Amino acid sequence: MFSKPVRWEMYWKELFRQMVDIGAGSAFIVLLVSLFIGAVTAIANRVSVIQEQHLHATILYRSHRAQHGDIWEWPRPSPH
């Protein structure tokens, strides 16, 4: 199965050549996966920010309406 290399110089050259082949061969896959992970993270972050802004706007609206005594009424559409 495993044996001691006869020529150490050839062993190291072949080892580093294979390491470079594996690294360079997988660079495209790593780049592709990184792009997808970055896109998903950016979208999730944006959705989180939008939800937080909506929550703050709702709280501000409700607190404003509570000061005027009609907390459970939504704004009525303006007559046209």
Protein backbone atom coordinates (compact mmCIF):
# COMPACT_ATOMS: atom_id res chain seq x y z
CA MET A 1 0.00 0.00 0.00
CA PHE A 2 2.47 2.66 1.16
CA SER A 3 6.17 2.27 0.69
CA LYS A 4 9.25 4.39 1.13
CA PRO A 5 9.99 6.44 -2.00
CA VAL A 6 13.11 5.36 -3.89
CA ARG A 7 13.91 8.81 -5.28
CA TRP A 8 12.96 11.58 -2.82
CA GLU A 9 13.53 14.35 -5.35
CA MET A 10 11.03 12.82 -7.77
CA TYR A 11 8.62 12.18 -4.90
CA TRP A 12 8.60 15.87 -3.83
CA LYS A 13 8.32 17.14 -7.40
CA GLU A 14 5.35 14.87 -8.07
CA LEU A 15 3.73 15.77 -4.75
CA PHE A 16 3.92 19.52 -5.44
CA ARG A 17 2.79 19.05 -9.05
CA GLN A 18 -0.32 17.21 -7.88
CA MET A 19 -0.99 19.84 -5.21
CA VAL A 20 -0.84 22.59 -7.83
CA ASP A 21 -3.07 20.60 -10.21
CA ILE A 22 -5.69 20.07 -7.51
CA GLY A 23 -5.56 23.71 -6.40
CA ALA A 24 -5.73 25.19 -9.89
CA GLY A 25 -8.36 22.68 -10.98
CA SER A 26 -10.70 23.59 -8.15
CA ALA A 27 -10.25 27.38 -8.40
CA PHE A 28 -13.28 27.75 -10.71
CA ILE A 29 -15.52 25.74 -8.39
CA VAL A 30 -14.34 27.71 -5.35
CA LEU A 31 -15.00 30.99 -7.18
CA LEU A 32 -18.47 29.87 -8.27
CA VAL A 33 -19.47 28.70 -4.79
CA SER A 34 -18.10 31.91 -3.26
CA LEU A 35 -20.19 34.03 -5.61
CA PHE A 36 -23.37 32.14 -4.76
CA ILE A 37 -22.68 32.32 -1.02
CA GLY A 38 -21.99 36.06 -1.31
CA ALA A 39 -25.20 36.63 -3.26
CA VAL A 40 -27.31 34.69 -0.77
CA THR A 41 -25.71 36.55 2.15
CA ALA A 42 -26.32 39.93 0.50
CA ILE A 43 -29.96 39.12 -0.24
CA ALA A 44 -30.58 37.79 3.29
CA ASN A 45 -28.96 40.90 4.77
CA ARG A 46 -31.07 43.21 2.63
CA VAL A 47 -34.29 41.40 3.54
CA SER A 48 -33.36 41.64 7.22
CA VAL A 49 -32.73 45.39 6.93
CA ILE A 50 -36.03 45.96 5.12
CA GLN A 51 -37.95 43.98 7.75
CA GLU A 52 -36.27 45.93 10.54
CA GLN A 53 -37.10 49.25 8.85
CA HIS A 54 -40.71 48.12 8.41
CA LEU A 55 -40.89 47.14 12.08
CA HIS A 56 -39.57 50.54 13.17
CA ALA A 57 -41.99 52.35 10.88
CA THR A 58 -44.89 50.32 12.27
CA ILE A 59 -43.85 51.06 15.85
CA LEU A 60 -43.51 54.76 15.11
CA TYR A 61 -46.89 54.83 13.37
CA ARG A 62 -48.63 53.00 16.22
CA SER A 63 -47.05 55.19 18.89
CA HIS A 64 -48.11 58.31 16.98
CA ARG A 65 -51.66 56.99 16.61
CA ALA A 66 -51.74 56.03 20.32
CA GLN A 67 -51.06 59.63 21.26
CA HIS A 68 -54.18 60.67 19.36
CA GLY A 69 -56.44 58.01 20.88
CA ASP A 70 -57.24 55.94 17.80
CA ILE A 71 -54.57 53.26 18.01
CA TRP A 72 -56.52 50.50 16.26
CA GLU A 73 -57.65 52.48 13.25
CA TRP A 74 -55.66 52.28 10.09
CA PRO A 75 -55.39 55.39 7.94
CA ARG A 76 -58.47 55.92 5.88
CA PRO A 77 -58.05 56.49 2.16
CA SER A 78 -58.35 60.08 1.17
CA PRO A 79 -61.59 60.94 -0.71
CA HIS A 80 -61.08 61.57 -4.41
